[in-house]
Amino acid sequence: MNLSKSMILSMIVLNGIIFHDAYAYIDPGSGSVVIQMLIGALVGVGIAVKVFWVKLKYKFQSLFKK
C-alpha cells in the first residue's frame, strides 16, 4: 500500500517536471459556458435571497400582528 502511494507521488512530481507547456487555449464556446454558469449562479442566488426574504417578512408580520 505504501509503495503504491510513493509511486503515484513520484509520477505526479515527474509529470510536473518533464512536461512544462500545454499550449492550450480557451475557445469561445468554453468562454460562453463559463459566462452562462456565472449568470445562472447569480440568478439562483437572487431567487434564493428573494424566497428567504419573503419568508422572513411573513414571519415578522405575523409576529407583530399579535
N, C-alpha and C. Protein backbone atom coordinates (compact mmCIF):
# COMPACT_ATOMS: atom_id res chain seq x y z
N MET A 1 0.83 -1.19 0.00
CA MET A 1 0.00 0.00 0.00
C MET A 1 0.87 1.25 0.00
N ASN A 2 1.89 1.28 0.82
CA ASN A 2 2.77 2.42 0.92
C ASN A 2 3.57 2.60 -0.36
N LEU A 3 3.94 1.49 -1.01
CA LEU A 3 4.70 1.55 -2.24
C LEU A 3 3.88 2.18 -3.36
N SER A 4 2.60 1.87 -3.44
CA SER A 4 1.77 2.44 -4.50
C SER A 4 1.58 3.95 -4.29
N LYS A 5 1.48 4.40 -3.04
CA LYS A 5 1.35 5.83 -2.79
C LYS A 5 2.62 6.57 -3.20
N SER A 6 3.78 5.98 -2.91
CA SER A 6 5.03 6.63 -3.29
C SER A 6 5.22 6.63 -4.80
N MET A 7 4.75 5.58 -5.48
CA MET A 7 4.84 5.54 -6.94
C MET A 7 3.95 6.61 -7.56
N ILE A 8 2.74 6.76 -7.04
CA ILE A 8 1.82 7.77 -7.57
C ILE A 8 2.39 9.16 -7.33
N LEU A 9 2.93 9.41 -6.15
CA LEU A 9 3.51 10.71 -5.85
C LEU A 9 4.70 11.00 -6.75
N SER A 10 5.56 10.01 -6.97
CA SER A 10 6.72 10.23 -7.84
C SER A 10 6.28 10.46 -9.28
N MET A 11 5.22 9.79 -9.74
CA MET A 11 4.73 10.01 -11.09
C MET A 11 4.17 11.42 -11.25
N ILE A 12 3.47 11.92 -10.23
CA ILE A 12 2.93 13.28 -10.29
C ILE A 12 4.06 14.30 -10.32
N VAL A 13 5.07 14.10 -9.49
CA VAL A 13 6.21 15.03 -9.45
C VAL A 13 6.96 15.01 -10.78
N LEU A 14 7.24 13.83 -11.30
CA LEU A 14 7.94 13.73 -12.59
C LEU A 14 7.12 14.33 -13.72
N ASN A 15 5.83 14.16 -13.69
CA ASN A 15 4.97 14.74 -14.71
C ASN A 15 5.05 16.27 -14.67
N GLY A 16 5.12 16.84 -13.48
CA GLY A 16 5.23 18.28 -13.36
C GLY A 16 6.58 18.80 -13.80
N ILE A 17 7.62 18.00 -13.65
CA ILE A 17 8.96 18.43 -14.03
C ILE A 17 9.18 18.28 -15.53
N ILE A 18 8.74 17.18 -16.10
CA ILE A 18 9.04 16.89 -17.51
C ILE A 18 8.19 17.72 -18.46
N PHE A 19 6.89 17.80 -18.24
CA PHE A 19 6.00 18.50 -19.15
C PHE A 19 5.74 19.91 -18.63
N HIS A 20 6.27 20.90 -19.33
CA HIS A 20 6.15 22.28 -18.87
C HIS A 20 4.98 23.00 -19.53
N ASP A 21 4.92 23.01 -20.85
CA ASP A 21 3.93 23.81 -21.56
C ASP A 21 2.83 22.93 -22.13
N ALA A 22 1.61 23.41 -22.00
CA ALA A 22 0.48 22.67 -22.52
C ALA A 22 0.04 23.20 -23.88
N TYR A 23 0.36 24.45 -24.18
CA TYR A 23 -0.07 25.11 -25.41
C TYR A 23 -1.57 24.97 -25.60
N ALA A 24 -2.31 25.22 -24.55
CA ALA A 24 -3.75 25.10 -24.57
C ALA A 24 -4.37 26.48 -24.69
N TYR A 25 -5.61 26.51 -25.10
CA TYR A 25 -6.34 27.77 -25.21
C TYR A 25 -7.79 27.51 -24.83
N ILE A 26 -8.49 28.59 -24.54
CA ILE A 26 -9.92 28.50 -24.24
C ILE A 26 -10.65 29.04 -25.46
N ASP A 27 -11.42 28.19 -26.11
CA ASP A 27 -12.15 28.63 -27.29
C ASP A 27 -13.39 29.43 -26.87
N PRO A 28 -14.01 30.14 -27.80
CA PRO A 28 -15.17 30.97 -27.45
C PRO A 28 -16.34 30.16 -26.87
N GLY A 29 -16.49 28.94 -27.27
CA GLY A 29 -17.56 28.10 -26.72
C GLY A 29 -17.37 27.86 -25.23
N SER A 30 -16.14 27.63 -24.80
CA SER A 30 -15.87 27.42 -23.38
C SER A 30 -16.09 28.71 -22.59
N GLY A 31 -15.70 29.83 -23.18
CA GLY A 31 -15.91 31.11 -22.51
C GLY A 31 -17.38 31.40 -22.31
N SER A 32 -18.20 31.08 -23.32
CA SER A 32 -19.63 31.35 -23.18
C SER A 32 -20.27 30.42 -22.14
N VAL A 33 -19.77 29.21 -22.02
CA VAL A 33 -20.29 28.29 -20.99
C VAL A 33 -19.96 28.83 -19.60
N VAL A 34 -18.76 29.35 -19.43
CA VAL A 34 -18.37 29.91 -18.13
C VAL A 34 -19.25 31.11 -17.80
N ILE A 35 -19.49 31.97 -18.78
CA ILE A 35 -20.35 33.15 -18.56
C ILE A 35 -21.77 32.71 -18.22
N GLN A 36 -22.29 31.71 -18.90
CA GLN A 36 -23.64 31.21 -18.60
C GLN A 36 -23.71 30.63 -17.20
N MET A 37 -22.66 29.95 -16.77
CA MET A 37 -22.65 29.39 -15.42
C MET A 37 -22.65 30.51 -14.37
N LEU A 38 -21.88 31.56 -14.61
CA LEU A 38 -21.85 32.69 -13.67
C LEU A 38 -23.20 33.38 -13.60
N ILE A 39 -23.81 33.61 -14.75
CA ILE A 39 -25.13 34.25 -14.77
C ILE A 39 -26.16 33.37 -14.08
N GLY A 40 -26.13 32.08 -14.34
CA GLY A 40 -27.06 31.16 -13.69
C GLY A 40 -26.87 31.12 -12.18
N ALA A 41 -25.62 31.16 -11.73
CA ALA A 41 -25.37 31.17 -10.29
C ALA A 41 -25.89 32.46 -9.66
N LEU A 42 -25.69 33.58 -10.32
CA LEU A 42 -26.19 34.85 -9.79
C LEU A 42 -27.71 34.87 -9.72
N VAL A 43 -28.37 34.36 -10.76
CA VAL A 43 -29.83 34.31 -10.76
C VAL A 43 -30.32 33.37 -9.66
N GLY A 44 -29.67 32.23 -9.49
CA GLY A 44 -30.05 31.29 -8.43
C GLY A 44 -29.91 31.89 -7.04
N VAL A 45 -28.81 32.60 -6.82
CA VAL A 45 -28.62 33.26 -5.52
C VAL A 45 -29.68 34.33 -5.31
N GLY A 46 -30.00 35.07 -6.36
CA GLY A 46 -31.03 36.11 -6.26
C GLY A 46 -32.39 35.53 -5.90
N ILE A 47 -32.75 34.43 -6.52
CA ILE A 47 -34.04 33.80 -6.23
C ILE A 47 -34.05 33.24 -4.81
N ALA A 48 -32.94 32.64 -4.38
CA ALA A 48 -32.87 32.10 -3.02
C ALA A 48 -33.00 33.22 -1.99
N VAL A 49 -32.36 34.37 -2.24
CA VAL A 49 -32.47 35.50 -1.32
C VAL A 49 -33.89 36.03 -1.29
N LYS A 50 -34.54 36.09 -2.45
CA LYS A 50 -35.91 36.59 -2.50
C LYS A 50 -36.86 35.67 -1.72
N VAL A 51 -36.72 34.37 -1.90
CA VAL A 51 -37.58 33.41 -1.19
C VAL A 51 -37.35 33.53 0.32
N PHE A 52 -36.09 33.61 0.72
CA PHE A 52 -35.77 33.74 2.14
C PHE A 52 -36.33 35.05 2.69
N TRP A 53 -36.20 36.13 1.93
CA TRP A 53 -36.68 37.44 2.39
C TRP A 53 -38.20 37.44 2.56
N VAL A 54 -38.92 36.81 1.63
CA VAL A 54 -40.38 36.76 1.73
C VAL A 54 -40.80 35.95 2.96
N LYS A 55 -40.14 34.82 3.20
CA LYS A 55 -40.46 34.02 4.38
C LYS A 55 -40.17 34.78 5.66
N LEU A 56 -39.05 35.50 5.68
CA LEU A 56 -38.69 36.28 6.85
C LEU A 56 -39.68 37.43 7.07
N LYS A 57 -40.12 38.06 5.99
CA LYS A 57 -41.08 39.16 6.09
C LYS A 57 -42.42 38.67 6.64
N TYR A 58 -42.91 37.54 6.15
CA TYR A 58 -44.17 36.99 6.65
C TYR A 58 -44.05 36.58 8.11
N LYS A 59 -42.90 36.08 8.49
CA LYS A 59 -42.69 35.68 9.88
C LYS A 59 -42.78 36.90 10.80
N PHE A 60 -42.12 38.01 10.42
CA PHE A 60 -42.17 39.21 11.25
C PHE A 60 -43.55 39.86 11.21
N GLN A 61 -44.24 39.78 10.09
CA GLN A 61 -45.59 40.35 10.03
C GLN A 61 -46.53 39.61 10.95
N SER A 62 -46.44 38.30 10.96
CA SER A 62 -47.31 37.52 11.85
C SER A 62 -46.91 37.73 13.31
N LEU A 63 -45.66 37.99 13.58
CA LEU A 63 -45.19 38.21 14.94
C LEU A 63 -45.68 39.56 15.48
N PHE A 64 -45.64 40.58 14.65
CA PHE A 64 -46.03 41.93 15.11
C PHE A 64 -47.53 42.17 15.05
N LYS A 65 -48.28 41.33 14.34
CA LYS A 65 -49.75 41.49 14.30
C LYS A 65 -50.36 41.09 15.62
N LYS A 66 -49.76 40.19 16.32
CA LYS A 66 -50.33 39.66 17.58
C LYS A 66 -50.27 40.66 18.67
